[in-house]
N, C-alpha and C. Protein backbone atom coordinates (compact mmCIF):
# COMPACT_ATOMS: atom_id res chain seq x y z
N MET A 1 -27.66 8.99 9.77
CA MET A 1 -26.27 9.32 9.52
C MET A 1 -25.38 8.09 9.66
N LEU A 2 -25.73 7.19 10.58
CA LEU A 2 -24.96 5.97 10.76
C LEU A 2 -24.94 5.15 9.47
N ALA A 3 -26.10 5.03 8.83
CA ALA A 3 -26.18 4.25 7.59
C ALA A 3 -25.30 4.88 6.51
N GLN A 4 -25.32 6.21 6.39
CA GLN A 4 -24.47 6.89 5.41
C GLN A 4 -22.99 6.61 5.66
N ASN A 5 -22.58 6.69 6.92
CA ASN A 5 -21.19 6.40 7.29
C ASN A 5 -20.81 4.99 6.88
N LEU A 6 -21.65 4.03 7.22
CA LEU A 6 -21.33 2.63 6.93
C LEU A 6 -21.33 2.33 5.44
N ILE A 7 -22.27 2.93 4.71
CA ILE A 7 -22.32 2.70 3.27
C ILE A 7 -21.09 3.30 2.59
N LEU A 8 -20.80 4.56 2.89
CA LEU A 8 -19.62 5.21 2.29
C LEU A 8 -18.33 4.50 2.70
N ALA A 9 -18.23 4.13 3.96
CA ALA A 9 -17.03 3.43 4.43
C ALA A 9 -16.87 2.09 3.73
N SER A 10 -17.96 1.36 3.57
CA SER A 10 -17.90 0.06 2.89
C SER A 10 -17.47 0.21 1.44
N ILE A 11 -18.01 1.23 0.78
CA ILE A 11 -17.62 1.49 -0.61
C ILE A 11 -16.14 1.84 -0.68
N MET A 12 -15.68 2.69 0.22
CA MET A 12 -14.27 3.09 0.21
C MET A 12 -13.33 1.93 0.55
N VAL A 13 -13.71 1.10 1.49
CA VAL A 13 -12.89 -0.07 1.83
C VAL A 13 -12.79 -1.00 0.61
N ALA A 14 -13.91 -1.26 -0.04
CA ALA A 14 -13.89 -2.12 -1.23
C ALA A 14 -13.06 -1.47 -2.34
N PHE A 15 -13.25 -0.17 -2.54
CA PHE A 15 -12.53 0.55 -3.60
C PHE A 15 -11.02 0.55 -3.35
N THR A 16 -10.61 0.87 -2.13
CA THR A 16 -9.17 0.91 -1.85
C THR A 16 -8.56 -0.49 -1.83
N ALA A 17 -9.31 -1.49 -1.41
CA ALA A 17 -8.80 -2.86 -1.47
C ALA A 17 -8.60 -3.29 -2.93
N LEU A 18 -9.51 -2.87 -3.79
CA LEU A 18 -9.37 -3.16 -5.21
C LEU A 18 -8.16 -2.44 -5.80
N ILE A 19 -7.98 -1.17 -5.44
CA ILE A 19 -6.80 -0.42 -5.88
C ILE A 19 -5.54 -1.16 -5.43
N HIS A 20 -5.54 -1.60 -4.19
CA HIS A 20 -4.38 -2.28 -3.64
C HIS A 20 -4.10 -3.59 -4.37
N LEU A 21 -5.13 -4.37 -4.56
CA LEU A 21 -4.97 -5.64 -5.27
C LEU A 21 -4.45 -5.42 -6.69
N MET A 22 -5.05 -4.47 -7.39
CA MET A 22 -4.60 -4.19 -8.76
C MET A 22 -3.17 -3.65 -8.77
N GLY A 23 -2.84 -2.81 -7.81
CA GLY A 23 -1.49 -2.26 -7.75
C GLY A 23 -0.44 -3.32 -7.48
N LEU A 24 -0.71 -4.18 -6.51
CA LEU A 24 0.25 -5.25 -6.21
C LEU A 24 0.35 -6.25 -7.36
N THR A 25 -0.79 -6.54 -7.98
CA THR A 25 -0.79 -7.43 -9.14
C THR A 25 0.04 -6.83 -10.27
N PHE A 26 -0.08 -5.51 -10.47
CA PHE A 26 0.72 -4.82 -11.49
C PHE A 26 2.21 -4.90 -11.15
N LEU A 27 2.56 -4.71 -9.88
CA LEU A 27 3.97 -4.82 -9.49
C LEU A 27 4.50 -6.23 -9.75
N ILE A 28 3.70 -7.24 -9.46
CA ILE A 28 4.11 -8.63 -9.74
C ILE A 28 4.30 -8.82 -11.24
N TRP A 29 3.38 -8.29 -12.02
CA TRP A 29 3.47 -8.40 -13.48
C TRP A 29 4.75 -7.74 -13.99
N ILE A 30 5.04 -6.56 -13.48
CA ILE A 30 6.27 -5.86 -13.89
C ILE A 30 7.50 -6.70 -13.54
N MET A 31 7.53 -7.23 -12.32
CA MET A 31 8.69 -8.03 -11.91
C MET A 31 8.84 -9.27 -12.77
N ARG A 32 7.74 -9.93 -13.08
CA ARG A 32 7.82 -11.13 -13.91
C ARG A 32 8.26 -10.80 -15.33
N ASN A 33 7.72 -9.74 -15.89
CA ASN A 33 8.05 -9.39 -17.27
C ASN A 33 9.41 -8.75 -17.42
N SER A 34 9.93 -8.16 -16.36
CA SER A 34 11.27 -7.59 -16.45
C SER A 34 12.31 -8.59 -15.96
N LYS A 35 11.83 -9.79 -15.65
CA LYS A 35 12.71 -10.85 -15.16
C LYS A 35 13.49 -10.39 -13.94
N ALA A 36 12.77 -9.76 -13.02
CA ALA A 36 13.40 -9.27 -11.79
C ALA A 36 14.06 -10.40 -11.01
N SER A 37 13.48 -11.60 -11.10
CA SER A 37 14.09 -12.72 -10.38
C SER A 37 15.47 -13.04 -10.95
N GLU A 38 15.67 -12.80 -12.23
CA GLU A 38 16.99 -13.02 -12.84
C GLU A 38 17.99 -11.98 -12.35
N LEU A 39 17.50 -10.78 -12.07
CA LEU A 39 18.40 -9.73 -11.58
C LEU A 39 19.00 -10.12 -10.23
N ALA A 40 18.24 -10.85 -9.43
CA ALA A 40 18.73 -11.23 -8.10
C ALA A 40 19.96 -12.13 -8.21
N LYS A 41 20.09 -12.84 -9.32
CA LYS A 41 21.20 -13.77 -9.47
C LYS A 41 22.53 -13.07 -9.69
N PHE A 42 22.52 -11.85 -10.13
CA PHE A 42 23.76 -11.21 -10.54
C PHE A 42 24.41 -10.35 -9.48
N SER A 43 23.64 -9.65 -8.67
CA SER A 43 24.29 -8.81 -7.68
C SER A 43 23.31 -8.35 -6.61
N VAL A 44 23.86 -8.07 -5.47
CA VAL A 44 23.07 -7.53 -4.38
C VAL A 44 22.52 -6.16 -4.78
N MET A 45 23.31 -5.40 -5.52
CA MET A 45 22.88 -4.07 -5.94
C MET A 45 21.63 -4.14 -6.81
N ARG A 46 21.60 -5.08 -7.73
CA ARG A 46 20.43 -5.22 -8.60
C ARG A 46 19.22 -5.69 -7.79
N SER A 47 19.43 -6.60 -6.86
CA SER A 47 18.33 -7.04 -5.98
C SER A 47 17.81 -5.87 -5.18
N SER A 48 18.70 -5.07 -4.66
CA SER A 48 18.31 -3.89 -3.89
C SER A 48 17.53 -2.91 -4.74
N THR A 49 17.91 -2.78 -6.00
CA THR A 49 17.20 -1.88 -6.91
C THR A 49 15.78 -2.36 -7.13
N VAL A 50 15.61 -3.66 -7.34
CA VAL A 50 14.26 -4.22 -7.52
C VAL A 50 13.42 -3.95 -6.28
N ILE A 51 13.96 -4.21 -5.12
CA ILE A 51 13.22 -3.99 -3.88
C ILE A 51 12.87 -2.52 -3.72
N MET A 52 13.81 -1.64 -4.03
CA MET A 52 13.55 -0.20 -3.92
C MET A 52 12.44 0.23 -4.87
N LEU A 53 12.44 -0.29 -6.08
CA LEU A 53 11.38 0.04 -7.04
C LEU A 53 10.02 -0.46 -6.55
N VAL A 54 10.00 -1.64 -5.94
CA VAL A 54 8.75 -2.16 -5.38
C VAL A 54 8.27 -1.29 -4.22
N VAL A 55 9.19 -0.87 -3.37
CA VAL A 55 8.82 0.02 -2.26
C VAL A 55 8.19 1.30 -2.81
N MET A 56 8.79 1.87 -3.84
CA MET A 56 8.24 3.09 -4.43
C MET A 56 6.87 2.82 -5.06
N GLY A 57 6.72 1.65 -5.66
CA GLY A 57 5.42 1.27 -6.22
C GLY A 57 4.36 1.14 -5.13
N ILE A 58 4.72 0.51 -4.02
CA ILE A 58 3.80 0.38 -2.90
C ILE A 58 3.43 1.76 -2.36
N PHE A 59 4.41 2.64 -2.26
CA PHE A 59 4.14 3.99 -1.80
C PHE A 59 3.15 4.69 -2.74
N ALA A 60 3.32 4.50 -4.03
CA ALA A 60 2.40 5.10 -5.01
C ALA A 60 0.99 4.56 -4.84
N ILE A 61 0.87 3.26 -4.59
CA ILE A 61 -0.44 2.65 -4.36
C ILE A 61 -1.12 3.29 -3.16
N HIS A 62 -0.38 3.42 -2.06
CA HIS A 62 -0.95 4.04 -0.86
C HIS A 62 -1.31 5.51 -1.11
N THR A 63 -0.53 6.18 -1.92
CA THR A 63 -0.83 7.57 -2.25
C THR A 63 -2.18 7.68 -2.94
N VAL A 64 -2.44 6.80 -3.89
CA VAL A 64 -3.73 6.80 -4.59
C VAL A 64 -4.86 6.56 -3.59
N GLU A 65 -4.66 5.64 -2.68
CA GLU A 65 -5.70 5.31 -1.69
C GLU A 65 -5.98 6.50 -0.77
N VAL A 66 -4.93 7.14 -0.30
CA VAL A 66 -5.10 8.31 0.57
C VAL A 66 -5.81 9.43 -0.18
N TRP A 67 -5.42 9.65 -1.43
CA TRP A 67 -6.04 10.70 -2.23
C TRP A 67 -7.51 10.39 -2.48
N ALA A 68 -7.87 9.11 -2.61
CA ALA A 68 -9.28 8.75 -2.81
C ALA A 68 -10.10 9.18 -1.59
N TYR A 69 -9.60 8.90 -0.41
CA TYR A 69 -10.30 9.36 0.80
C TYR A 69 -10.33 10.88 0.87
N ALA A 70 -9.23 11.54 0.53
CA ALA A 70 -9.19 13.00 0.56
C ALA A 70 -10.23 13.59 -0.39
N ALA A 71 -10.36 12.99 -1.56
CA ALA A 71 -11.36 13.47 -2.53
C ALA A 71 -12.77 13.31 -1.96
N LEU A 72 -13.02 12.21 -1.29
CA LEU A 72 -14.33 12.01 -0.65
C LEU A 72 -14.57 13.07 0.42
N TYR A 73 -13.58 13.31 1.25
CA TYR A 73 -13.73 14.32 2.31
C TYR A 73 -13.96 15.71 1.71
N TYR A 74 -13.29 15.98 0.61
CA TYR A 74 -13.47 17.28 -0.04
C TYR A 74 -14.89 17.39 -0.61
N GLU A 75 -15.35 16.31 -1.21
CA GLU A 75 -16.72 16.27 -1.76
C GLU A 75 -17.76 16.43 -0.64
N LEU A 76 -17.49 15.85 0.50
CA LEU A 76 -18.40 15.97 1.65
C LEU A 76 -18.25 17.31 2.38
N GLU A 77 -17.27 18.11 1.93
CA GLU A 77 -16.98 19.43 2.52
C GLU A 77 -16.64 19.34 4.01
N LEU A 78 -15.84 18.35 4.36
CA LEU A 78 -15.40 18.21 5.74
C LEU A 78 -14.42 19.30 6.13
N PHE A 79 -13.63 19.77 5.16
CA PHE A 79 -12.66 20.84 5.39
C PHE A 79 -12.74 21.83 4.24
N ASP A 80 -12.19 23.01 4.44
CA ASP A 80 -12.29 24.08 3.45
C ASP A 80 -11.43 23.87 2.21
N THR A 81 -10.27 23.24 2.37
CA THR A 81 -9.35 23.08 1.24
C THR A 81 -9.05 21.61 0.99
N PHE A 82 -8.66 21.32 -0.24
CA PHE A 82 -8.26 19.95 -0.55
C PHE A 82 -7.00 19.58 0.22
N GLU A 83 -6.10 20.54 0.40
CA GLU A 83 -4.87 20.28 1.16
C GLU A 83 -5.19 19.81 2.57
N ALA A 84 -6.17 20.43 3.21
CA ALA A 84 -6.57 20.01 4.56
C ALA A 84 -7.16 18.60 4.53
N CYS A 85 -7.95 18.31 3.50
CA CYS A 85 -8.52 16.96 3.35
C CYS A 85 -7.42 15.93 3.15
N LEU A 86 -6.43 16.28 2.35
CA LEU A 86 -5.32 15.36 2.08
C LEU A 86 -4.47 15.14 3.33
N TYR A 87 -4.19 16.21 4.04
CA TYR A 87 -3.43 16.10 5.29
C TYR A 87 -4.18 15.24 6.30
N PHE A 88 -5.48 15.51 6.45
CA PHE A 88 -6.29 14.74 7.39
C PHE A 88 -6.33 13.27 6.99
N SER A 89 -6.58 13.01 5.71
CA SER A 89 -6.65 11.63 5.23
C SER A 89 -5.34 10.90 5.45
N THR A 90 -4.22 11.56 5.20
CA THR A 90 -2.91 10.93 5.41
C THR A 90 -2.69 10.58 6.87
N SER A 91 -3.04 11.51 7.75
CA SER A 91 -2.83 11.23 9.18
C SER A 91 -3.77 10.14 9.69
N VAL A 92 -4.98 10.08 9.15
CA VAL A 92 -5.92 9.04 9.57
C VAL A 92 -5.52 7.69 8.97
N PHE A 93 -5.23 7.66 7.66
CA PHE A 93 -4.89 6.42 6.96
C PHE A 93 -3.68 5.73 7.58
N THR A 94 -2.71 6.52 7.98
CA THR A 94 -1.49 5.97 8.57
C THR A 94 -1.63 5.75 10.08
N THR A 95 -2.79 5.98 10.60
CA THR A 95 -3.15 5.83 12.02
C THR A 95 -2.35 6.73 12.94
N VAL A 96 -1.77 7.80 12.39
CA VAL A 96 -1.05 8.77 13.21
C VAL A 96 -2.05 9.61 13.99
N GLY A 97 -3.05 10.15 13.29
CA GLY A 97 -4.12 10.90 13.92
C GLY A 97 -3.64 12.04 14.79
N PHE A 98 -3.01 13.05 14.20
CA PHE A 98 -2.44 14.15 14.95
C PHE A 98 -3.45 14.85 15.85
N GLY A 99 -4.69 15.00 15.41
CA GLY A 99 -5.69 15.65 16.22
C GLY A 99 -5.80 17.14 16.01
N ASP A 100 -4.93 17.72 15.17
CA ASP A 100 -5.05 19.15 14.93
C ASP A 100 -6.20 19.46 13.98
N LEU A 101 -6.63 18.48 13.19
CA LEU A 101 -7.85 18.57 12.38
C LEU A 101 -8.77 17.45 12.82
N VAL A 102 -10.00 17.77 13.07
CA VAL A 102 -10.98 16.76 13.45
C VAL A 102 -12.26 17.00 12.67
N VAL A 103 -13.01 15.94 12.49
CA VAL A 103 -14.31 16.06 11.83
C VAL A 103 -15.38 16.12 12.91
N GLY A 104 -16.53 16.63 12.52
CA GLY A 104 -17.65 16.67 13.44
C GLY A 104 -18.19 15.28 13.72
N PRO A 105 -19.14 15.19 14.60
CA PRO A 105 -19.68 13.88 14.99
C PRO A 105 -20.38 13.13 13.87
N HIS A 106 -20.79 13.83 12.80
CA HIS A 106 -21.52 13.17 11.73
C HIS A 106 -20.68 12.20 10.92
N TRP A 107 -19.38 12.43 10.81
CA TRP A 107 -18.53 11.61 9.95
C TRP A 107 -17.41 10.90 10.71
N ARG A 108 -17.50 10.85 12.02
CA ARG A 108 -16.45 10.19 12.81
C ARG A 108 -16.29 8.71 12.46
N LEU A 109 -17.37 8.01 12.25
CA LEU A 109 -17.29 6.58 11.95
C LEU A 109 -16.57 6.33 10.62
N LEU A 110 -16.89 7.14 9.62
CA LEU A 110 -16.23 7.02 8.32
C LEU A 110 -14.72 7.16 8.46
N THR A 111 -14.29 8.16 9.21
CA THR A 111 -12.85 8.39 9.36
C THR A 111 -12.20 7.31 10.22
N ALA A 112 -12.91 6.79 11.19
CA ALA A 112 -12.37 5.69 11.99
C ALA A 112 -12.18 4.44 11.14
N ILE A 113 -13.11 4.21 10.23
CA ILE A 113 -12.99 3.04 9.34
C ILE A 113 -11.85 3.25 8.35
N GLU A 114 -11.61 4.51 7.92
CA GLU A 114 -10.42 4.76 7.08
C GLU A 114 -9.16 4.35 7.82
N SER A 115 -9.11 4.65 9.09
CA SER A 115 -7.93 4.30 9.89
C SER A 115 -7.73 2.78 9.92
N ALA A 116 -8.80 2.04 10.17
CA ALA A 116 -8.70 0.57 10.18
C ALA A 116 -8.33 0.06 8.79
N ASN A 117 -8.90 0.65 7.77
CA ASN A 117 -8.59 0.28 6.39
C ASN A 117 -7.12 0.52 6.07
N GLY A 118 -6.63 1.69 6.44
CA GLY A 118 -5.22 2.00 6.22
C GLY A 118 -4.30 1.04 6.94
N PHE A 119 -4.65 0.72 8.17
CA PHE A 119 -3.86 -0.22 8.97
C PHE A 119 -3.77 -1.57 8.26
N LEU A 120 -4.89 -2.06 7.75
CA LEU A 120 -4.89 -3.35 7.05
C LEU A 120 -4.12 -3.29 5.73
N LEU A 121 -4.31 -2.21 4.97
CA LEU A 121 -3.60 -2.09 3.69
C LEU A 121 -2.10 -1.92 3.88
N LEU A 122 -1.70 -1.18 4.90
CA LEU A 122 -0.27 -1.06 5.20
C LEU A 122 0.31 -2.41 5.62
N GLY A 123 -0.46 -3.18 6.38
CA GLY A 123 -0.03 -4.52 6.77
C GLY A 123 0.09 -5.44 5.56
N TRP A 124 -0.86 -5.34 4.65
CA TRP A 124 -0.82 -6.14 3.42
C TRP A 124 0.44 -5.81 2.63
N SER A 125 0.77 -4.53 2.53
CA SER A 125 1.98 -4.11 1.82
C SER A 125 3.23 -4.63 2.51
N THR A 126 3.23 -4.60 3.82
CA THR A 126 4.38 -5.10 4.58
C THR A 126 4.56 -6.59 4.32
N ALA A 127 3.47 -7.34 4.36
CA ALA A 127 3.55 -8.78 4.09
C ALA A 127 4.06 -9.04 2.67
N PHE A 128 3.59 -8.26 1.72
CA PHE A 128 4.03 -8.39 0.33
C PHE A 128 5.53 -8.14 0.21
N LEU A 129 5.99 -7.09 0.86
CA LEU A 129 7.41 -6.72 0.79
C LEU A 129 8.28 -7.77 1.48
N ILE A 130 7.83 -8.29 2.60
CA ILE A 130 8.58 -9.33 3.30
C ILE A 130 8.64 -10.59 2.44
N SER A 131 7.53 -10.93 1.81
CA SER A 131 7.50 -12.10 0.92
C SER A 131 8.46 -11.92 -0.25
N LEU A 132 8.45 -10.74 -0.85
CA LEU A 132 9.36 -10.46 -1.97
C LEU A 132 10.81 -10.55 -1.52
N THR A 133 11.12 -9.95 -0.39
CA THR A 133 12.49 -9.98 0.11
C THR A 133 12.94 -11.42 0.38
N GLY A 134 12.05 -12.22 0.96
CA GLY A 134 12.36 -13.63 1.19
C GLY A 134 12.60 -14.38 -0.10
N HIS A 135 11.77 -14.09 -1.09
CA HIS A 135 11.92 -14.74 -2.40
C HIS A 135 13.25 -14.34 -3.05
N MET A 136 13.58 -13.07 -2.98
CA MET A 136 14.85 -12.59 -3.55
C MET A 136 16.03 -13.24 -2.83
N ARG A 137 15.94 -13.35 -1.52
CA ARG A 137 17.03 -13.98 -0.75
C ARG A 137 17.15 -15.46 -1.12
N ALA A 138 16.03 -16.14 -1.31
CA ALA A 138 16.06 -17.55 -1.71
C ALA A 138 16.72 -17.70 -3.08
N LEU A 139 16.40 -16.83 -4.02
CA LEU A 139 17.03 -16.89 -5.34
C LEU A 139 18.53 -16.63 -5.24
N GLU A 140 18.89 -15.67 -4.41
CA GLU A 140 20.31 -15.37 -4.22
C GLU A 140 21.04 -16.58 -3.62
N HIS A 141 20.40 -17.22 -2.65
CA HIS A 141 20.99 -18.39 -2.00
C HIS A 141 21.16 -19.53 -3.01
N LYS A 142 20.14 -19.76 -3.86
CA LYS A 142 20.23 -20.80 -4.89
C LYS A 142 21.38 -20.51 -5.84
N TRP A 143 21.50 -19.24 -6.24
CA TRP A 143 22.55 -18.85 -7.17
C TRP A 143 23.93 -19.08 -6.56
N LEU A 144 24.09 -18.74 -5.29
CA LEU A 144 25.37 -18.92 -4.62
C LEU A 144 25.72 -20.39 -4.44
N GLU A 145 24.69 -21.24 -4.35
CA GLU A 145 24.92 -22.68 -4.21
C GLU A 145 25.29 -23.35 -5.53
N GLY A 146 25.05 -22.67 -6.62
CA GLY A 146 25.43 -23.29 -7.90
C GLY A 146 24.40 -23.18 -8.98
N GLY A 147 23.90 -22.02 -9.22
CA GLY A 147 22.99 -21.81 -10.36
C GLY A 147 21.55 -22.06 -10.03
N ASP A 148 21.06 -23.26 -10.35
CA ASP A 148 19.63 -23.51 -10.19
C ASP A 148 19.30 -24.09 -8.83
N GLY A 149 20.30 -24.28 -8.00
CA GLY A 149 20.05 -24.77 -6.65
C GLY A 149 20.11 -26.28 -6.54
N GLU A 150 20.17 -26.99 -7.67
CA GLU A 150 20.17 -28.45 -7.63
C GLU A 150 21.46 -29.01 -7.04
N GLU A 151 22.59 -28.33 -7.28
CA GLU A 151 23.87 -28.86 -6.82
C GLU A 151 23.97 -28.85 -5.30
N GLY A 152 23.26 -27.93 -4.66
CA GLY A 152 23.38 -27.81 -3.20
C GLY A 152 22.48 -28.76 -2.45
N ARG A 153 21.72 -29.59 -3.15
CA ARG A 153 20.76 -30.48 -2.47
C ARG A 153 21.32 -31.83 -2.23
């Protein structure tokens, strides 16, 4: 049973990391193609809109990851309903772990690894969002200094 836990957990970690990478790459692509960096030059409201859209995109990425784990739990018949699997996966992924739903001893390692995986992916998203916010602030600062930032140097 240990080998099954580790194999499934490794597959899920790789799968969700790939989802995350593709999702963040897609968000970057959208920002570049919509010239989101240009929006930062015009108003705080537009910058805030870009950041809000990215936050919603990150939330969507995490939703897909949580649902992937829930689908696995449903397939493994850990709980009777998909809703219970989704609730359990959400609480484990976000490291909340309410404890009102628990798995038997056979799949504890898999769910513990989901928790570590969620913690890392949430951290990755946080770092991405902080980086984006810093980049937007730098563009805003350049614009306030005189367009391309050369005049302020």
